[in-house]
Amino acid sequence: MKAGLILALAALPLAAQPRLLINAKVDARSAAAGLDREFRALLAAEPQPAWIGWMVPSVRSYSLGCEYVSHDGWAAPGVIHLEPPDHAVILFRAVDHAVERIRAFSPDCEIDAGGVPVHWLNDVKPPESVALLAGQATDSETAGNSAVGAIAVHDDAAADAALDRFAAAGQPDNLRRRAIGWLGSARGRHGLETLRGLLAGDTNPALRARVIGAIAESKDPDAITLLVATARNDRDREVERRAIAALGNLPAGKGVPVLIEITQTSKDVDMRKHAMNALQQTHDPRALGFFERVLQ
């Protein structure tokens, strides 16, 4: 066992620590009096590269897995999650008193700190974690990209509220697009309902097309129903086409029966054409059987 791992295990309460934190100079403290205050104090006191981290309950998402850890183009096997983890490790890299990078991991991942200080915060309240990350989401493009994803893994209503705010009209387009993507892939029923509202009320064609892609990522069973309704009835022709393409890209051929039905019943020639193109791209046996029947 590496010396750094021994230090980490000794310094951190068992219930709060990442399982495998190695090569780290660990300093553990409590954030019970307020995460923002503790975090700002650490930033102000740390000119050299360091990491600041904590753990929060997370939505169960395979995006937190560490099946493959990439370093300099090489990939090595990591933990195989048969079921997604229910906690996430949130880590900030601080350099020159500012946040340079944000990462979110499964607590099962081996985390090598590279010999730099790691300030581990216990007693972190999830809404305070979301609020701190939300400030980073708009401060820096580099950190902001990761901050939105880190917010999305929090199992807390504050994460839904933050993503809804970022996805709303009036926010920068790049922030809206990131939030929309995470609303679909990570936020379940709440995310789908927010996307439904954006699809109905937003007038930006590019953003509405992005919403279609996010709906296709949703695991909520009503997502397919919403895609079908959009493919048939949307006010924007391009959005209808995106919805049809999204149906063709659904995993396990879930959209194939709907596309066959659209091809058979739609009175819109253009829609039938796009549905047939989407069917062709699936290479699904049901689609091939349908084309054979058409040719006969």
C-alpha atoms as a PDB file:
ATOM      1  CA  MET A   1       0.000   0.000   0.000  1.00  0.00           C
ATOM      2  CA  LYS A   2       1.337   3.418  -0.930  1.00  0.00           C
ATOM      3  CA  ALA A   3       2.234   5.862   1.816  1.00  0.00           C
ATOM      4  CA  GLY A   4      -0.110   8.479   0.379  1.00  0.00           C
ATOM      5  CA  LEU A   5      -3.037   6.114   0.659  1.00  0.00           C
ATOM      6  CA  ILE A   6      -2.213   5.381   4.286  1.00  0.00           C
ATOM      7  CA  LEU A   7      -2.159   9.113   5.013  1.00  0.00           C
ATOM      8  CA  ALA A   8      -5.491   9.600   3.308  1.00  0.00           C
ATOM      9  CA  LEU A   9      -7.141   6.795   5.222  1.00  0.00           C
ATOM     10  CA  ALA A  10      -5.822   8.123   8.498  1.00  0.00           C
ATOM     11  CA  ALA A  11      -6.866  11.702   7.865  1.00  0.00           C
ATOM     12  CA  LEU A  12     -10.441  11.244   6.639  1.00  0.00           C
ATOM     13  CA  PRO A  13     -13.540   9.791   8.290  1.00  0.00           C
ATOM     14  CA  LEU A  14     -14.285   6.453   6.639  1.00  0.00           C
ATOM     15  CA  ALA A  15     -17.827   7.381   5.611  1.00  0.00           C
ATOM     16  CA  ALA A  16     -16.739  10.581   3.857  1.00  0.00           C
ATOM     17  CA  GLN A  17     -13.573   9.707   1.991  1.00  0.00           C
ATOM     18  CA  PRO A  18     -12.997   8.518  -1.573  1.00  0.00           C
ATOM     19  CA  ARG A  19     -12.174   4.833  -1.329  1.00  0.00           C
ATOM     20  CA  LEU A  20      -8.831   5.101  -3.115  1.00  0.00           C
ATOM     21  CA  LEU A  21      -7.098   8.442  -2.710  1.00  0.00           C
ATOM     22  CA  ILE A  22      -3.365   8.015  -3.251  1.00  0.00           C
ATOM     23  CA  ASN A  23      -0.250  10.145  -3.517  1.00  0.00           C
ATOM     24  CA  ALA A  24      -1.961  12.981  -1.659  1.00  0.00           C
ATOM     25  CA  LYS A  25      -1.040  15.410   1.127  1.00  0.00           C
ATOM     26  CA  VAL A  26      -4.419  15.375   2.825  1.00  0.00           C
ATOM     27  CA  ASP A  27      -5.866  18.058   5.069  1.00  0.00           C
ATOM     28  CA  ALA A  28      -9.392  17.335   6.354  1.00  0.00           C
ATOM     29  CA  ARG A  29     -11.735  19.923   7.846  1.00  0.00           C
ATOM     30  CA  SER A  30     -15.433  20.597   8.337  1.00  0.00           C
ATOM     31  CA  ALA A  31     -17.654  22.828   6.194  1.00  0.00           C
ATOM     32  CA  ALA A  32     -20.538  22.692   8.675  1.00  0.00           C
ATOM     33  CA  ALA A  33     -20.300  26.446   9.255  1.00  0.00           C
ATOM     34  CA  GLY A  34     -20.675  27.175   5.528  1.00  0.00           C
ATOM     35  CA  LEU A  35     -19.099  25.706   2.417  1.00  0.00           C
ATOM     36  CA  ASP A  36     -18.539  28.988   0.584  1.00  0.00           C
ATOM     37  CA  ARG A  37     -16.648  30.539   3.492  1.00  0.00           C
ATOM     38  CA  GLU A  38     -14.400  27.498   3.920  1.00  0.00           C
ATOM     39  CA  PHE A  39     -13.812  27.190   0.189  1.00  0.00           C
ATOM     40  CA  ARG A  40     -12.883  30.873  -0.256  1.00  0.00           C
ATOM     41  CA  ALA A  41     -10.495  30.688   2.687  1.00  0.00           C
ATOM     42  CA  LEU A  42      -8.709  27.722   1.123  1.00  0.00           C
ATOM     43  CA  LEU A  43      -8.454  29.496  -2.246  1.00  0.00           C
ATOM     44  CA  ALA A  44      -7.000  32.585  -0.625  1.00  0.00           C
ATOM     45  CA  ALA A  45      -4.429  30.601   1.350  1.00  0.00           C
ATOM     46  CA  GLU A  46      -3.242  28.284  -1.445  1.00  0.00           C
ATOM     47  CA  PRO A  47      -1.035  29.829  -4.173  1.00  0.00           C
ATOM     48  CA  GLN A  48       0.442  26.512  -5.280  1.00  0.00           C
ATOM     49  CA  PRO A  49      -1.552  23.854  -7.188  1.00  0.00           C
ATOM     50  CA  ALA A  50      -3.920  22.009  -4.868  1.00  0.00           C
ATOM     51  CA  TRP A  51      -7.252  20.195  -4.923  1.00  0.00           C
ATOM     52  CA  ILE A  52     -10.329  20.946  -2.825  1.00  0.00           C
ATOM     53  CA  GLY A  53     -12.983  18.265  -2.629  1.00  0.00           C
ATOM     54  CA  TRP A  54     -16.004  16.751  -0.938  1.00  0.00           C
ATOM     55  CA  MET A  55     -18.649  14.103  -1.439  1.00  0.00           C
ATOM     56  CA  VAL A  56     -22.394  14.494  -2.069  1.00  0.00           C
ATOM     57  CA  PRO A  57     -25.321  12.145  -2.715  1.00  0.00           C
ATOM     58  CA  SER A  58     -25.715  11.748  -6.469  1.00  0.00           C
ATOM     59  CA  VAL A  59     -28.327  10.693  -8.966  1.00  0.00           C
ATOM     60  CA  ARG A  60     -27.554   7.204 -10.146  1.00  0.00           C
ATOM     61  CA  SER A  61     -25.698   7.824 -13.387  1.00  0.00           C
ATOM     62  CA  TYR A  62     -23.177   5.770 -15.329  1.00  0.00           C
ATOM     63  CA  SER A  63     -21.526   9.053 -16.312  1.00  0.00           C
ATOM     64  CA  LEU A  64     -19.756   8.855 -12.939  1.00  0.00           C
ATOM     65  CA  GLY A  65     -18.128   5.532 -13.735  1.00  0.00           C
ATOM     66  CA  CYS A  66     -14.385   4.997 -13.927  1.00  0.00           C
ATOM     67  CA  GLU A  67     -14.426   1.988 -16.214  1.00  0.00           C
ATOM     68  CA  TYR A  68     -11.731   3.643 -18.323  1.00  0.00           C
ATOM     69  CA  VAL A  69      -9.344   6.245 -16.974  1.00  0.00           C
ATOM     70  CA  SER A  70      -7.567   8.079 -19.800  1.00  0.00           C
ATOM     71  CA  HIS A  71      -4.123   9.600 -19.358  1.00  0.00           C
ATOM     72  CA  ASP A  72      -2.014  10.968 -22.212  1.00  0.00           C
ATOM     73  CA  GLY A  73      -3.991   8.974 -24.758  1.00  0.00           C
ATOM     74  CA  TRP A  74      -3.749   5.661 -22.904  1.00  0.00           C
ATOM     75  CA  ALA A  75      -6.770   3.918 -21.394  1.00  0.00           C
ATOM     76  CA  ALA A  76      -6.632   1.587 -18.399  1.00  0.00           C
ATOM     77  CA  PRO A  77      -9.482  -0.440 -16.905  1.00  0.00           C
ATOM     78  CA  GLY A  78     -11.085   0.909 -13.744  1.00  0.00           C
ATOM     79  CA  VAL A  79     -14.027  -0.028 -11.545  1.00  0.00           C
ATOM     80  CA  ILE A  80     -16.915  -1.735 -13.323  1.00  0.00           C
ATOM     81  CA  HIS A  81     -20.189  -0.425 -11.935  1.00  0.00           C
ATOM     82  CA  LEU A  82     -22.935  -3.003 -12.345  1.00  0.00           C
ATOM     83  CA  GLU A  83     -25.169  -0.425 -10.667  1.00  0.00           C
ATOM     84  CA  PRO A  84     -24.418   3.313 -10.780  1.00  0.00           C
ATOM     85  CA  PRO A  85     -22.943   4.854  -7.609  1.00  0.00           C
ATOM     86  CA  ASP A  86     -25.176   6.859  -5.286  1.00  0.00           C
ATOM     87  CA  HIS A  87     -22.509   9.384  -4.261  1.00  0.00           C
ATOM     88  CA  ALA A  88     -20.146  11.620  -6.213  1.00  0.00           C
ATOM     89  CA  VAL A  89     -16.759  13.116  -5.393  1.00  0.00           C
ATOM     90  CA  ILE A  90     -16.553  16.774  -6.434  1.00  0.00           C
ATOM     91  CA  LEU A  91     -13.004  18.094  -6.910  1.00  0.00           C
ATOM     92  CA  PHE A  92     -11.689  21.575  -7.720  1.00  0.00           C
ATOM     93  CA  ARG A  93      -8.128  22.226  -8.887  1.00  0.00           C
ATOM     94  CA  ALA A  94      -6.919  25.544  -7.466  1.00  0.00           C
ATOM     95  CA  VAL A  95      -3.938  27.455  -8.873  1.00  0.00           C
ATOM     96  CA  ASP A  96      -2.902  31.021  -7.979  1.00  0.00           C
ATOM     97  CA  HIS A  97      -5.954  31.518  -5.776  1.00  0.00           C
ATOM     98  CA  ALA A  98      -8.413  30.639  -8.559  1.00  0.00           C
ATOM     99  CA  VAL A  99     -10.288  27.570  -9.785  1.00  0.00           C
ATOM    100  CA  GLU A 100      -8.651  26.069 -12.846  1.00  0.00           C
ATOM    101  CA  ARG A 101     -10.591  22.822 -13.243  1.00  0.00           C
ATOM    102  CA  ILE A 102     -13.584  20.935 -11.827  1.00  0.00           C
ATOM    103  CA  ARG A 103     -14.121  17.188 -11.884  1.00  0.00           C
ATOM    104  CA  ALA A 104     -16.785  14.763 -10.644  1.00  0.00           C
ATOM    105  CA  PHE A 105     -16.006  11.096  -9.991  1.00  0.00           C
ATOM    106  CA  SER A 106     -17.441   7.957  -8.532  1.00  0.00           C
ATOM    107  CA  PRO A 107     -16.110   7.448  -4.979  1.00  0.00           C
ATOM    108  CA  ASP A 108     -14.938   4.012  -6.159  1.00  0.00           C
ATOM    109  CA  CYS A 109     -12.368   5.465  -8.564  1.00  0.00           C
ATOM    110  CA  GLU A 110      -8.689   5.423  -7.700  1.00  0.00           C
ATOM    111  CA  ILE A 111      -7.735   9.088  -7.462  1.00  0.00           C
ATOM    112  CA  ASP A 112      -4.033   9.919  -7.706  1.00  0.00           C
ATOM    113  CA  ALA A 113      -3.376  13.471  -6.511  1.00  0.00           C
ATOM    114  CA  GLY A 114       0.130  13.630  -7.945  1.00  0.00           C
ATOM    115  CA  GLY A 115       1.675  14.585  -4.620  1.00  0.00           C
ATOM    116  CA  VAL A 116      -0.111  17.941  -4.319  1.00  0.00           C
ATOM    117  CA  PRO A 117      -2.214  19.035  -1.307  1.00  0.00           C
ATOM    118  CA  VAL A 118      -5.798  17.799  -1.121  1.00  0.00           C
ATOM    119  CA  HIS A 119      -8.119  19.764   1.167  1.00  0.00           C
ATOM    120  CA  TRP A 120     -11.021  17.449   1.993  1.00  0.00           C
ATOM    121  CA  LEU A 121     -14.203  19.027   3.331  1.00  0.00           C
ATOM    122  CA  ASN A 122     -16.665  17.060   5.450  1.00  0.00           C
ATOM    123  CA  ASP A 123     -20.225  18.032   6.440  1.00  0.00           C
ATOM    124  CA  VAL A 124     -20.972  19.624   3.055  1.00  0.00           C
ATOM    125  CA  LYS A 125     -24.649  20.447   2.456  1.00  0.00           C
ATOM    126  CA  PRO A 126     -25.708  19.533  -1.124  1.00  0.00           C
ATOM    127  CA  PRO A 127     -27.529  22.860  -1.800  1.00  0.00           C
ATOM    128  CA  GLU A 128     -24.359  24.736  -0.797  1.00  0.00           C
ATOM    129  CA  SER A 129     -22.328  22.539  -3.136  1.00  0.00           C
ATOM    130  CA  VAL A 130     -24.736  23.340  -5.990  1.00  0.00           C
ATOM    131  CA  ALA A 131     -24.613  27.068  -5.215  1.00  0.00           C
ATOM    132  CA  LEU A 132     -20.815  27.137  -5.242  1.00  0.00           C
ATOM    133  CA  LEU A 133     -20.663  25.231  -8.525  1.00  0.00           C
ATOM    134  CA  ALA A 134     -23.323  27.511 -10.028  1.00  0.00           C
ATOM    135  CA  GLY A 135     -21.055  30.488  -9.424  1.00  0.00           C
ATOM    136  CA  GLN A 136     -18.277  28.727 -11.299  1.00  0.00           C
ATOM    137  CA  ALA A 137     -20.577  27.803 -14.204  1.00  0.00           C
ATOM    138  CA  THR A 138     -20.724  31.431 -15.351  1.00  0.00           C
ATOM    139  CA  ASP A 139     -17.271  32.621 -14.242  1.00  0.00           C
ATOM    140  CA  SER A 140     -14.993  30.603 -16.482  1.00  0.00           C
ATOM    141  CA  GLU A 141     -15.487  28.807 -19.775  1.00  0.00           C
ATOM    142  CA  THR A 142     -13.122  25.967 -18.898  1.00  0.00           C
ATOM    143  CA  ALA A 143     -14.348  25.433 -15.355  1.00  0.00           C
ATOM    144  CA  GLY A 144     -17.897  26.308 -16.371  1.00  0.00           C
ATOM    145  CA  ASN A 145     -18.211  23.355 -18.728  1.00  0.00           C
ATOM    146  CA  SER A 146     -17.399  20.951 -15.903  1.00  0.00           C
ATOM    147  CA  ALA A 147     -19.357  22.873 -13.270  1.00  0.00           C
ATOM    148  CA  VAL A 148     -22.674  22.323 -15.045  1.00  0.00           C
ATOM    149  CA  GLY A 149     -22.017  18.587 -15.290  1.00  0.00           C
ATOM    150  CA  ALA A 150     -21.013  18.439 -11.630  1.00  0.00           C
ATOM    151  CA  ILE A 151     -24.247  20.196 -10.659  1.00  0.00           C
ATOM    152  CA  ALA A 152     -26.248  17.688 -12.696  1.00  0.00           C
ATOM    153  CA  VAL A 153     -25.034  14.683 -10.681  1.00  0.00           C
ATOM    154  CA  HIS A 154     -26.283  16.100  -7.348  1.00  0.00           C
ATOM    155  CA  ASP A 155     -29.284  14.258  -5.933  1.00  0.00           C
ATOM    156  CA  ASP A 156     -30.902  17.453  -4.712  1.00  0.00           C
ATOM    157  CA  ALA A 157     -33.693  19.759  -5.858  1.00  0.00           C
ATOM    158  CA  ALA A 158     -31.203  22.632  -5.896  1.00  0.00           C
ATOM    159  CA  ALA A 159     -29.575  20.997  -8.937  1.00  0.00           C
ATOM    160  CA  ASP A 160     -32.875  21.005 -10.830  1.00  0.00           C
ATOM    161  CA  ALA A 161     -33.392  24.675 -10.007  1.00  0.00           C
ATOM    162  CA  ALA A 162     -29.877  25.629 -11.114  1.00  0.00           C
ATOM    163  CA  LEU A 163     -30.123  23.770 -14.425  1.00  0.00           C
ATOM    164  CA  ASP A 164     -33.567  25.247 -15.099  1.00  0.00           C
ATOM    165  CA  ARG A 165     -32.112  28.708 -14.535  1.00  0.00           C
ATOM    166  CA  PHE A 166     -29.173  28.073 -16.853  1.00  0.00           C
ATOM    167  CA  ALA A 167     -31.419  26.676 -19.595  1.00  0.00           C
ATOM    168  CA  ALA A 168     -33.815  29.626 -19.536  1.00  0.00           C
ATOM    169  CA  ALA A 169     -34.041  32.309 -22.216  1.00  0.00           C
ATOM    170  CA  GLY A 170     -31.683  35.201 -21.622  1.00  0.00           C
ATOM    171  CA  GLN A 171     -28.709  33.070 -20.579  1.00  0.00           C
ATOM    172  CA  PRO A 172     -25.674  32.722 -22.902  1.00  0.00           C
ATOM    173  CA  ASP A 173     -26.327  30.143 -25.602  1.00  0.00           C
ATOM    174  CA  ASN A 174     -23.355  27.953 -24.668  1.00  0.00           C
ATOM    175  CA  LEU A 175     -24.554  27.779 -21.052  1.00  0.00           C
ATOM    176  CA  ARG A 176     -28.102  27.026 -22.164  1.00  0.00           C
ATOM    177  CA  ARG A 177     -26.926  24.202 -24.416  1.00  0.00           C
ATOM    178  CA  ARG A 178     -24.894  22.563 -21.641  1.00  0.00           C
ATOM    179  CA  ALA A 179     -27.772  22.794 -19.175  1.00  0.00           C
ATOM    180  CA  ILE A 180     -30.268  21.451 -21.710  1.00  0.00           C
ATOM    181  CA  GLY A 181     -28.066  18.433 -22.381  1.00  0.00           C
ATOM    182  CA  TRP A 182     -27.775  17.565 -18.678  1.00  0.00           C
ATOM    183  CA  LEU A 183     -31.492  18.098 -18.076  1.00  0.00           C
ATOM    184  CA  GLY A 184     -32.108  15.297 -20.557  1.00  0.00           C
ATOM    185  CA  SER A 185     -29.393  12.868 -19.583  1.00  0.00           C
ATOM    186  CA  ALA A 186     -29.401  13.182 -15.791  1.00  0.00           C
ATOM    187  CA  ARG A 187     -32.515  14.821 -14.348  1.00  0.00           C
ATOM    188  CA  GLY A 188     -35.292  12.300 -15.045  1.00  0.00           C
ATOM    189  CA  ARG A 189     -38.908  13.444 -14.985  1.00  0.00           C
ATOM    190  CA  HIS A 190     -38.135  16.973 -13.836  1.00  0.00           C
ATOM    191  CA  GLY A 191     -35.643  17.410 -16.657  1.00  0.00           C
ATOM    192  CA  LEU A 192     -38.105  16.091 -19.237  1.00  0.00           C
ATOM    193  CA  GLU A 193     -40.815  18.502 -18.083  1.00  0.00           C
ATOM    194  CA  THR A 194     -38.392  21.429 -18.305  1.00  0.00           C
ATOM    195  CA  LEU A 195     -37.426  20.343 -21.822  1.00  0.00           C
ATOM    196  CA  ARG A 196     -41.096  20.036 -22.766  1.00  0.00           C
ATOM    197  CA  GLY A 197     -41.616  23.637 -21.692  1.00  0.00           C
ATOM    198  CA  LEU A 198     -38.597  24.855 -23.639  1.00  0.00           C
ATOM    199  CA  LEU A 199     -39.752  23.023 -26.746  1.00  0.00           C
ATOM    200  CA  ALA A 200     -43.180  24.623 -26.521  1.00  0.00           C
ATOM    201  CA  GLY A 201     -42.120  28.142 -25.587  1.00  0.00           C
ATOM    202  CA  ASP A 202     -38.669  28.880 -26.994  1.00  0.00           C
ATOM    203  CA  THR A 203     -38.334  30.585 -30.372  1.00  0.00           C
ATOM    204  CA  ASN A 204     -34.633  29.861 -30.996  1.00  0.00           C
ATOM    205  CA  PRO A 205     -34.533  27.117 -33.691  1.00  0.00           C
ATOM    206  CA  ALA A 206     -30.998  25.971 -32.813  1.00  0.00           C
ATOM    207  CA  LEU A 207     -31.846  25.685 -29.111  1.00  0.00           C
ATOM    208  CA  ARG A 208     -35.070  23.809 -29.881  1.00  0.00           C
ATOM    209  CA  ALA A 209     -33.069  21.359 -31.998  1.00  0.00           C
ATOM    210  CA  ARG A 210     -30.715  20.916 -29.023  1.00  0.00           C
ATOM    211  CA  VAL A 211     -33.744  20.193 -26.841  1.00  0.00           C
ATOM    212  CA  ILE A 212     -34.713  17.341 -29.177  1.00  0.00           C
ATOM    213  CA  GLY A 213     -31.298  15.753 -28.708  1.00  0.00           C
ATOM    214  CA  ALA A 214     -31.620  16.099 -24.935  1.00  0.00           C
ATOM    215  CA  ILE A 215     -35.084  14.522 -24.921  1.00  0.00           C
ATOM    216  CA  ALA A 216     -33.633  11.563 -26.819  1.00  0.00           C
ATOM    217  CA  GLU A 217     -31.092  11.138 -23.969  1.00  0.00           C
ATOM    218  CA  SER A 218     -33.794  11.059 -21.286  1.00  0.00           C
ATOM    219  CA  LYS A 219     -34.509   7.754 -19.532  1.00  0.00           C
ATOM    220  CA  ASP A 220     -38.044   8.850 -18.680  1.00  0.00           C
ATOM    221  CA  PRO A 221     -40.580   6.617 -20.482  1.00  0.00           C
ATOM    222  CA  ASP A 222     -42.562   9.665 -21.661  1.00  0.00           C
ATOM    223  CA  ALA A 223     -39.587  10.915 -23.684  1.00  0.00           C
ATOM    224  CA  ILE A 224     -40.485   8.757 -26.684  1.00  0.00           C
ATOM    225  CA  THR A 225     -44.093  10.003 -26.572  1.00  0.00           C
ATOM    226  CA  LEU A 226     -42.823  13.579 -26.654  1.00  0.00           C
ATOM    227  CA  LEU A 227     -40.500  12.824 -29.580  1.00  0.00           C
ATOM    228  CA  VAL A 228     -43.350  11.236 -31.523  1.00  0.00           C
ATOM    229  CA  ALA A 229     -45.659  14.203 -30.899  1.00  0.00           C
ATOM    230  CA  THR A 230     -42.900  16.592 -31.981  1.00  0.00           C
ATOM    231  CA  ALA A 231     -42.165  14.607 -35.130  1.00  0.00           C
ATOM    232  CA  ARG A 232     -45.808  14.814 -36.132  1.00  0.00           C
ATOM    233  CA  ASN A 233     -46.955  18.232 -35.005  1.00  0.00           C
ATOM    234  CA  ASP A 234     -44.147  20.712 -34.383  1.00  0.00           C
ATOM    235  CA  ARG A 235     -44.409  24.206 -35.861  1.00  0.00           C
ATOM    236  CA  ASP A 236     -40.827  24.025 -37.153  1.00  0.00           C
ATOM    237  CA  ARG A 237     -40.030  21.686 -40.043  1.00  0.00           C
ATOM    238  CA  GLU A 238     -36.384  21.271 -39.037  1.00  0.00           C
ATOM    239  CA  VAL A 239     -37.351  20.345 -35.480  1.00  0.00           C
ATOM    240  CA  GLU A 240     -39.745  17.705 -36.846  1.00  0.00           C
ATOM    241  CA  ARG A 241     -36.887  16.236 -38.860  1.00  0.00           C
ATOM    242  CA  ARG A 242     -34.602  16.251 -35.817  1.00  0.00           C
ATOM    243  CA  ALA A 243     -37.265  14.418 -33.829  1.00  0.00           C
ATOM    244  CA  ILE A 244     -37.577  11.767 -36.528  1.00  0.00           C
ATOM    245  CA  ALA A 245     -33.794  11.333 -36.626  1.00  0.00           C
ATOM    246  CA  ALA A 246     -33.727  11.079 -32.817  1.00  0.00           C
ATOM    247  CA  LEU A 247     -36.312   8.288 -32.950  1.00  0.00           C
ATOM    248  CA  GLY A 248     -34.017   6.403 -35.296  1.00  0.00           C
ATOM    249  CA  ASN A 249     -31.063   6.817 -32.928  1.00  0.00           C
ATOM    250  CA  LEU A 250     -32.809   5.546 -29.789  1.00  0.00           C
ATOM    251  CA  PRO A 251     -31.029   2.555 -28.210  1.00  0.00           C
ATOM    252  CA  ALA A 252     -32.264  -0.988 -28.791  1.00  0.00           C
ATOM    253  CA  GLY A 253     -34.358   0.149 -31.749  1.00  0.00           C
ATOM    254  CA  LYS A 254     -37.031   1.660 -29.490  1.00  0.00           C
ATOM    255  CA  GLY A 255     -38.050   4.132 -32.181  1.00  0.00           C
ATOM    256  CA  VAL A 256     -38.366   1.632 -35.037  1.00  0.00           C
ATOM    257  CA  PRO A 257     -42.070   0.744 -34.554  1.00  0.00           C
ATOM    258  CA  VAL A 258     -42.985   4.438 -34.397  1.00  0.00           C
ATOM    259  CA  LEU A 259     -41.011   5.236 -37.542  1.00  0.00           C
ATOM    260  CA  ILE A 260     -42.705   2.373 -39.391  1.00  0.00           C
ATOM    261  CA  GLU A 261     -46.092   3.679 -38.283  1.00  0.00           C
ATOM    262  CA  ILE A 262     -45.236   7.240 -39.396  1.00  0.00           C
ATOM    263  CA  THR A 263     -44.117   5.914 -42.784  1.00  0.00           C
ATOM    264  CA  GLN A 264     -47.362   3.983 -43.197  1.00  0.00           C
ATOM    265  CA  THR A 265     -49.872   6.526 -41.937  1.00  0.00           C
ATOM    266  CA  SER A 266     -48.519  10.072 -42.349  1.00  0.00           C
ATOM    267  CA  LYS A 267     -50.089  12.151 -45.088  1.00  0.00           C
ATOM    268  CA  ASP A 268     -46.992  14.343 -45.173  1.00  0.00           C
ATOM    269  CA  VAL A 269     -44.715  13.135 -47.978  1.00  0.00           C
ATOM    270  CA  ASP A 270     -41.668  14.900 -46.549  1.00  0.00           C
ATOM    271  CA  MET A 271     -42.201  13.321 -43.130  1.00  0.00           C
ATOM    272  CA  ARG A 272     -42.582   9.852 -44.671  1.00  0.00           C
ATOM    273  CA  LYS A 273     -39.342  10.371 -46.590  1.00  0.00           C
ATOM    274  CA  HIS A 274     -37.392  11.341 -43.458  1.00  0.00           C
ATOM    275  CA  ALA A 275     -38.919   8.480 -41.478  1.00  0.00           C
ATOM    276  CA  MET A 276     -37.822   5.990 -44.149  1.00  0.00           C
ATOM    277  CA  ASN A 277     -34.307   7.467 -44.171  1.00  0.00           C
ATOM    278  CA  ALA A 278     -34.154   7.135 -40.380  1.00  0.00           C
ATOM    279  CA  LEU A 279     -35.369   3.532 -40.608  1.00  0.00           C
ATOM    280  CA  GLN A 280     -32.687   2.730 -43.154  1.00  0.00           C
ATOM    281  CA  GLN A 281     -29.979   4.045 -40.824  1.00  0.00           C
ATOM    282  CA  THR A 282     -31.073   1.765 -37.964  1.00  0.00           C
ATOM    283  CA  HIS A 283     -30.197  -1.501 -39.786  1.00  0.00           C
ATOM    284  CA  ASP A 284     -32.862  -3.029 -37.549  1.00  0.00           C
ATOM    285  CA  PRO A 285     -34.366  -6.366 -38.727  1.00  0.00           C
ATOM    286  CA  ARG A 286     -37.862  -4.921 -38.323  1.00  0.00           C
ATOM    287  CA  ALA A 287     -36.961  -2.044 -40.620  1.00  0.00           C
ATOM    288  CA  LEU A 288     -35.474  -4.422 -43.185  1.00  0.00           C
ATOM    289  CA  GLY A 289     -38.620  -6.572 -43.033  1.00  0.00           C
ATOM    290  CA  PHE A 290     -40.749  -3.474 -43.543  1.00  0.00           C
ATOM    291  CA  PHE A 291     -38.779  -2.457 -46.653  1.00  0.00           C
ATOM    292  CA  GLU A 292     -39.087  -5.968 -48.054  1.00  0.00           C
ATOM    293  CA  ARG A 293     -42.865  -5.821 -47.660  1.00  0.00           C
ATOM    294  CA  VAL A 294     -42.941  -2.403 -49.329  1.00  0.00           C
ATOM    295  CA  LEU A 295     -40.912  -3.672 -52.297  1.00  0.00           C
ATOM    296  CA  GLN A 296     -43.160  -6.683 -52.690  1.00  0.00           C
END
